[in-house]
Each structure stands twice: as structure tokens, then as C-alpha cells.
Amino acid sequence: MELTVLEENPKRLVFEVKGQGHTLCNGLKSKLWENKHVKTATYTISHPLVGVPKMVVETDGEVKPRKAVGDAAEALRKDVAELKQELKKFRW
């Protein structure tokens, strides 16, 4: 995975997530929306086969967008770790 920042200011961050698709981006977007300071959290993929996801995050300025993304990624990581633990209880 490679992140490329396209635009950044105190209230807005636009970045590409090369090597990922809807799974990661949608999870990250969902976690971002849980932050009361996030005003916009979305992504686009210009082409389903070759497009690179581009995420847009805007905040009210109380929290910098980069921090909001980091917090959302950490929350998502914790959810995945919890799911992994729950799945270990099943015999596959």
C-alpha cells in the first residue's frame, strides 16, 4: 500500500491509497464518520479495474484531518484484531 497526499490544509486532506480498494476505503470512511469533528469523509475510484482510490476528509478544524485519519485507521485495526480473535473460536 502506498499513500500519496494530493492536497492538505488544516481542515482538508485529499490522498490516494494505491494498492487498496473498496474494502479498506469503505472501512476507513465508516470509522471517520464516527468522529464528531469530521464533516466529510468519502472516496472515489475512477475505474473499477485500474483506478486508484482517492479519499477526501474534511474536519471542522478542531481536529486536523491527518489525525482523524490516523485515529480512524487505529480504530479499524482494533476492530479487525477483535474479529480475528472471535474467528479463532470457530473450527474452520
N, C-alpha and C. Protein backbone atom coordinates (compact mmCIF):
# COMPACT_ATOMS: atom_id res chain seq x y z
N MET A 1 0.85 -1.17 0.00
CA MET A 1 0.00 0.00 0.00
C MET A 1 0.90 1.23 0.00
N GLU A 2 0.50 2.21 -0.76
CA GLU A 2 1.24 3.46 -0.84
C GLU A 2 0.25 4.62 -0.74
N LEU A 3 0.53 5.57 0.14
CA LEU A 3 -0.31 6.76 0.29
C LEU A 3 0.38 7.94 -0.35
N THR A 4 -0.38 8.70 -1.11
CA THR A 4 0.13 9.91 -1.75
C THR A 4 -0.79 11.06 -1.41
N VAL A 5 -0.27 12.07 -0.72
CA VAL A 5 -1.07 13.24 -0.37
C VAL A 5 -1.16 14.15 -1.59
N LEU A 6 -2.38 14.47 -1.98
CA LEU A 6 -2.62 15.34 -3.14
C LEU A 6 -2.91 16.77 -2.71
N GLU A 7 -3.52 16.91 -1.53
CA GLU A 7 -3.89 18.23 -1.03
C GLU A 7 -3.99 18.15 0.49
N GLU A 8 -3.47 19.17 1.17
CA GLU A 8 -3.58 19.18 2.62
C GLU A 8 -3.57 20.61 3.14
N ASN A 9 -4.54 20.89 4.01
CA ASN A 9 -4.57 22.14 4.76
C ASN A 9 -5.16 21.82 6.13
N PRO A 10 -5.28 22.78 7.02
CA PRO A 10 -5.73 22.46 8.39
C PRO A 10 -7.11 21.80 8.49
N LYS A 11 -7.96 21.92 7.47
CA LYS A 11 -9.30 21.34 7.53
C LYS A 11 -9.58 20.31 6.46
N ARG A 12 -8.65 20.09 5.54
CA ARG A 12 -8.93 19.20 4.40
C ARG A 12 -7.71 18.38 4.03
N LEU A 13 -7.94 17.11 3.74
CA LEU A 13 -6.88 16.21 3.30
C LEU A 13 -7.42 15.37 2.15
N VAL A 14 -6.69 15.34 1.06
CA VAL A 14 -7.03 14.50 -0.09
C VAL A 14 -5.81 13.64 -0.37
N PHE A 15 -6.02 12.32 -0.43
CA PHE A 15 -4.90 11.43 -0.65
C PHE A 15 -5.33 10.19 -1.43
N GLU A 16 -4.35 9.59 -2.11
CA GLU A 16 -4.59 8.35 -2.86
C GLU A 16 -4.09 7.17 -2.03
N VAL A 17 -4.77 6.05 -2.20
CA VAL A 17 -4.41 4.82 -1.48
C VAL A 17 -4.11 3.75 -2.53
N LYS A 18 -2.89 3.75 -3.03
CA LYS A 18 -2.52 2.79 -4.08
C LYS A 18 -2.40 1.40 -3.50
N GLY A 19 -2.92 0.43 -4.23
CA GLY A 19 -2.83 -0.96 -3.81
C GLY A 19 -4.00 -1.43 -2.95
N GLN A 20 -5.00 -0.59 -2.79
CA GLN A 20 -6.18 -0.95 -1.99
C GLN A 20 -7.44 -0.70 -2.82
N GLY A 21 -8.56 -1.15 -2.28
CA GLY A 21 -9.83 -0.99 -2.98
C GLY A 21 -10.92 -0.60 -2.01
N HIS A 22 -12.13 -1.03 -2.34
CA HIS A 22 -13.30 -0.66 -1.55
C HIS A 22 -13.24 -1.17 -0.12
N THR A 23 -12.68 -2.33 0.11
CA THR A 23 -12.70 -2.93 1.44
C THR A 23 -12.06 -2.01 2.47
N LEU A 24 -10.83 -1.62 2.24
CA LEU A 24 -10.14 -0.75 3.19
C LEU A 24 -10.75 0.65 3.21
N CYS A 25 -11.00 1.21 2.05
CA CYS A 25 -11.50 2.58 1.97
C CYS A 25 -12.87 2.73 2.62
N ASN A 26 -13.75 1.77 2.41
CA ASN A 26 -15.08 1.86 2.99
C ASN A 26 -15.01 1.72 4.51
N GLY A 27 -14.16 0.82 4.99
CA GLY A 27 -13.98 0.67 6.43
C GLY A 27 -13.42 1.93 7.06
N LEU A 28 -12.43 2.53 6.42
CA LEU A 28 -11.83 3.76 6.92
C LEU A 28 -12.85 4.90 6.91
N LYS A 29 -13.61 4.98 5.84
CA LYS A 29 -14.64 6.02 5.74
C LYS A 29 -15.66 5.87 6.87
N SER A 30 -16.08 4.65 7.14
CA SER A 30 -17.05 4.41 8.21
C SER A 30 -16.50 4.83 9.56
N LYS A 31 -15.26 4.52 9.83
CA LYS A 31 -14.64 4.92 11.09
C LYS A 31 -14.48 6.44 11.18
N LEU A 32 -14.16 7.07 10.08
CA LEU A 32 -14.04 8.54 10.07
C LEU A 32 -15.36 9.20 10.45
N TRP A 33 -16.47 8.64 9.97
CA TRP A 33 -17.77 9.23 10.26
C TRP A 33 -18.14 9.13 11.74
N GLU A 34 -17.47 8.29 12.49
CA GLU A 34 -17.72 8.19 13.93
C GLU A 34 -17.11 9.35 14.71
N ASN A 35 -16.23 10.12 14.07
CA ASN A 35 -15.58 11.27 14.70
C ASN A 35 -16.47 12.50 14.51
N LYS A 36 -16.90 13.11 15.61
CA LYS A 36 -17.83 14.25 15.53
C LYS A 36 -17.22 15.47 14.84
N HIS A 37 -15.91 15.54 14.72
CA HIS A 37 -15.25 16.68 14.07
C HIS A 37 -15.12 16.49 12.55
N VAL A 38 -15.39 15.30 12.06
CA VAL A 38 -15.30 15.04 10.61
C VAL A 38 -16.59 15.50 9.95
N LYS A 39 -16.46 16.36 8.97
CA LYS A 39 -17.60 16.90 8.24
C LYS A 39 -17.80 16.22 6.88
N THR A 40 -16.70 15.73 6.30
CA THR A 40 -16.76 14.99 5.03
C THR A 40 -15.76 13.85 5.10
N ALA A 41 -16.20 12.68 4.70
CA ALA A 41 -15.32 11.52 4.60
C ALA A 41 -15.87 10.67 3.47
N THR A 42 -15.15 10.65 2.37
CA THR A 42 -15.60 9.90 1.21
C THR A 42 -14.41 9.46 0.37
N TYR A 43 -14.67 8.63 -0.62
CA TYR A 43 -13.63 8.23 -1.54
C TYR A 43 -14.25 7.93 -2.89
N THR A 44 -13.40 7.97 -3.90
CA THR A 44 -13.83 7.60 -5.26
C THR A 44 -12.77 6.69 -5.86
N ILE A 45 -13.22 5.83 -6.75
CA ILE A 45 -12.32 5.01 -7.55
C ILE A 45 -12.77 5.23 -8.99
N SER A 46 -11.91 5.87 -9.78
CA SER A 46 -12.31 6.29 -11.12
C SER A 46 -12.61 5.14 -12.07
N HIS A 47 -11.96 4.01 -11.89
CA HIS A 47 -12.21 2.84 -12.74
C HIS A 47 -12.11 1.59 -11.86
N PRO A 48 -13.09 0.70 -11.94
CA PRO A 48 -13.10 -0.45 -11.02
C PRO A 48 -11.91 -1.41 -11.17
N LEU A 49 -11.28 -1.43 -12.32
CA LEU A 49 -10.17 -2.37 -12.53
C LEU A 49 -8.79 -1.73 -12.35
N VAL A 50 -8.66 -0.49 -12.73
CA VAL A 50 -7.33 0.14 -12.70
C VAL A 50 -7.29 1.44 -11.90
N GLY A 51 -8.40 1.85 -11.35
CA GLY A 51 -8.44 3.12 -10.62
C GLY A 51 -7.76 3.04 -9.26
N VAL A 52 -7.21 4.16 -8.84
CA VAL A 52 -6.59 4.28 -7.53
C VAL A 52 -7.56 5.04 -6.63
N PRO A 53 -7.91 4.48 -5.47
CA PRO A 53 -8.85 5.17 -4.58
C PRO A 53 -8.30 6.54 -4.14
N LYS A 54 -9.18 7.53 -4.20
CA LYS A 54 -8.82 8.87 -3.74
C LYS A 54 -9.78 9.23 -2.61
N MET A 55 -9.23 9.48 -1.42
CA MET A 55 -10.04 9.81 -0.25
C MET A 55 -10.01 11.30 0.01
N VAL A 56 -11.15 11.82 0.45
CA VAL A 56 -11.29 13.22 0.83
C VAL A 56 -11.83 13.26 2.25
N VAL A 57 -11.11 13.97 3.12
CA VAL A 57 -11.51 14.09 4.52
C VAL A 57 -11.48 15.58 4.87
N GLU A 58 -12.60 16.06 5.41
CA GLU A 58 -12.69 17.45 5.87
C GLU A 58 -13.16 17.45 7.31
N THR A 59 -12.57 18.32 8.12
CA THR A 59 -12.96 18.43 9.52
C THR A 59 -13.43 19.85 9.82
N ASP A 60 -13.92 20.04 11.03
CA ASP A 60 -14.35 21.38 11.45
C ASP A 60 -13.17 22.24 11.91
N GLY A 61 -11.98 21.70 11.91
CA GLY A 61 -10.80 22.44 12.33
C GLY A 61 -10.37 22.15 13.76
N GLU A 62 -11.24 21.55 14.54
CA GLU A 62 -10.89 21.18 15.91
C GLU A 62 -9.85 20.05 15.91
N VAL A 63 -9.95 19.17 14.92
CA VAL A 63 -9.01 18.07 14.74
C VAL A 63 -8.46 18.17 13.33
N LYS A 64 -7.16 18.01 13.18
CA LYS A 64 -6.58 18.03 11.84
C LYS A 64 -6.97 16.75 11.11
N PRO A 65 -7.22 16.85 9.82
CA PRO A 65 -7.64 15.68 9.04
C PRO A 65 -6.67 14.50 9.12
N ARG A 66 -5.39 14.79 9.13
CA ARG A 66 -4.39 13.72 9.20
C ARG A 66 -4.55 12.93 10.52
N LYS A 67 -4.81 13.64 11.62
CA LYS A 67 -5.02 12.99 12.92
C LYS A 67 -6.31 12.17 12.88
N ALA A 68 -7.36 12.72 12.28
CA ALA A 68 -8.63 12.00 12.17
C ALA A 68 -8.45 10.70 11.40
N VAL A 69 -7.69 10.73 10.32
CA VAL A 69 -7.43 9.53 9.53
C VAL A 69 -6.63 8.52 10.35
N GLY A 70 -5.61 8.99 11.06
CA GLY A 70 -4.82 8.10 11.90
C GLY A 70 -5.64 7.44 12.98
N ASP A 71 -6.50 8.23 13.63
CA ASP A 71 -7.38 7.68 14.67
C ASP A 71 -8.35 6.65 14.10
N ALA A 72 -8.89 6.95 12.92
CA ALA A 72 -9.83 6.03 12.28
C ALA A 72 -9.12 4.74 11.88
N ALA A 73 -7.90 4.84 11.38
CA ALA A 73 -7.14 3.65 11.00
C ALA A 73 -6.85 2.79 12.22
N GLU A 74 -6.51 3.41 13.34
CA GLU A 74 -6.25 2.66 14.57
C GLU A 74 -7.52 1.97 15.07
N ALA A 75 -8.65 2.66 15.01
CA ALA A 75 -9.92 2.06 15.43
C ALA A 75 -10.28 0.88 14.53
N LEU A 76 -10.03 1.01 13.25
CA LEU A 76 -10.29 -0.08 12.31
C LEU A 76 -9.36 -1.26 12.60
N ARG A 77 -8.11 -0.99 12.90
CA ARG A 77 -7.16 -2.04 13.24
C ARG A 77 -7.63 -2.82 14.46
N LYS A 78 -8.13 -2.10 15.47
CA LYS A 78 -8.63 -2.76 16.68
C LYS A 78 -9.84 -3.64 16.38
N ASP A 79 -10.74 -3.15 15.53
CA ASP A 79 -11.91 -3.94 15.15
C ASP A 79 -11.50 -5.23 14.43
N VAL A 80 -10.53 -5.13 13.55
CA VAL A 80 -10.08 -6.30 12.81
C VAL A 80 -9.40 -7.29 13.76
N ALA A 81 -8.62 -6.79 14.72
CA ALA A 81 -7.98 -7.67 15.70
C ALA A 81 -9.02 -8.39 16.54
N GLU A 82 -10.07 -7.68 16.91
CA GLU A 82 -11.15 -8.29 17.69
C GLU A 82 -11.87 -9.36 16.87
N LEU A 83 -12.14 -9.07 15.61
CA LEU A 83 -12.77 -10.05 14.73
C LEU A 83 -11.89 -11.28 14.59
N LYS A 84 -10.60 -11.07 14.44
CA LYS A 84 -9.67 -12.19 14.31
C LYS A 84 -9.73 -13.09 15.55
N GLN A 85 -9.80 -12.49 16.72
CA GLN A 85 -9.90 -13.27 17.96
C GLN A 85 -11.21 -14.06 18.01
N GLU A 86 -12.28 -13.44 17.61
CA GLU A 86 -13.58 -14.13 17.61
C GLU A 86 -13.59 -15.29 16.62
N LEU A 87 -12.96 -15.09 15.47
CA LEU A 87 -12.93 -16.15 14.46
C LEU A 87 -12.10 -17.35 14.89
N LYS A 88 -11.12 -17.12 15.77
CA LYS A 88 -10.31 -18.23 16.26
C LYS A 88 -11.13 -19.22 17.09
N LYS A 89 -12.28 -18.79 17.57
CA LYS A 89 -13.13 -19.67 18.36
C LYS A 89 -13.83 -20.72 17.49
N PHE A 90 -13.91 -20.47 16.20
CA PHE A 90 -14.55 -21.40 15.28
C PHE A 90 -13.53 -22.38 14.73
N ARG A 91 -13.99 -23.55 14.43
CA ARG A 91 -13.13 -24.53 13.74
C ARG A 91 -13.37 -24.38 12.24
N TRP A 92 -12.36 -24.06 11.51
CA TRP A 92 -12.51 -23.87 10.06
C TRP A 92 -12.02 -25.10 9.38
